[in-house]
C-alpha cells in the first residue's frame, strides 16, 4: 500500500467565545499577534502536539500575564 499524505491540522474557532470576541476588538497589532499565537499554541498542545519553540510560547504567555497583572 501507499503511504497516506500527511494531513494539515485545522484550527476551528468559536466566534462566540469571549477570547475570540476580545481579539476582534484588539487594536494593538503586536498584542493581537501574541494572543493569536498563544491560542494557536494552546490548541496544538491540547491536540497532543509539541511546540516547535516552547521557549517563545512561555515568553509570550508570561508577557501577556504581566500585562494582565498591571
Foldseek 3Di string as FASTA:
>chain_A
DDDDDDDDDDDDDDCPDPLNVVLVVDPDPVLSVLSVVLVVQVVCVVVVHDDPDVVVNVVSVVVVVVVVVD
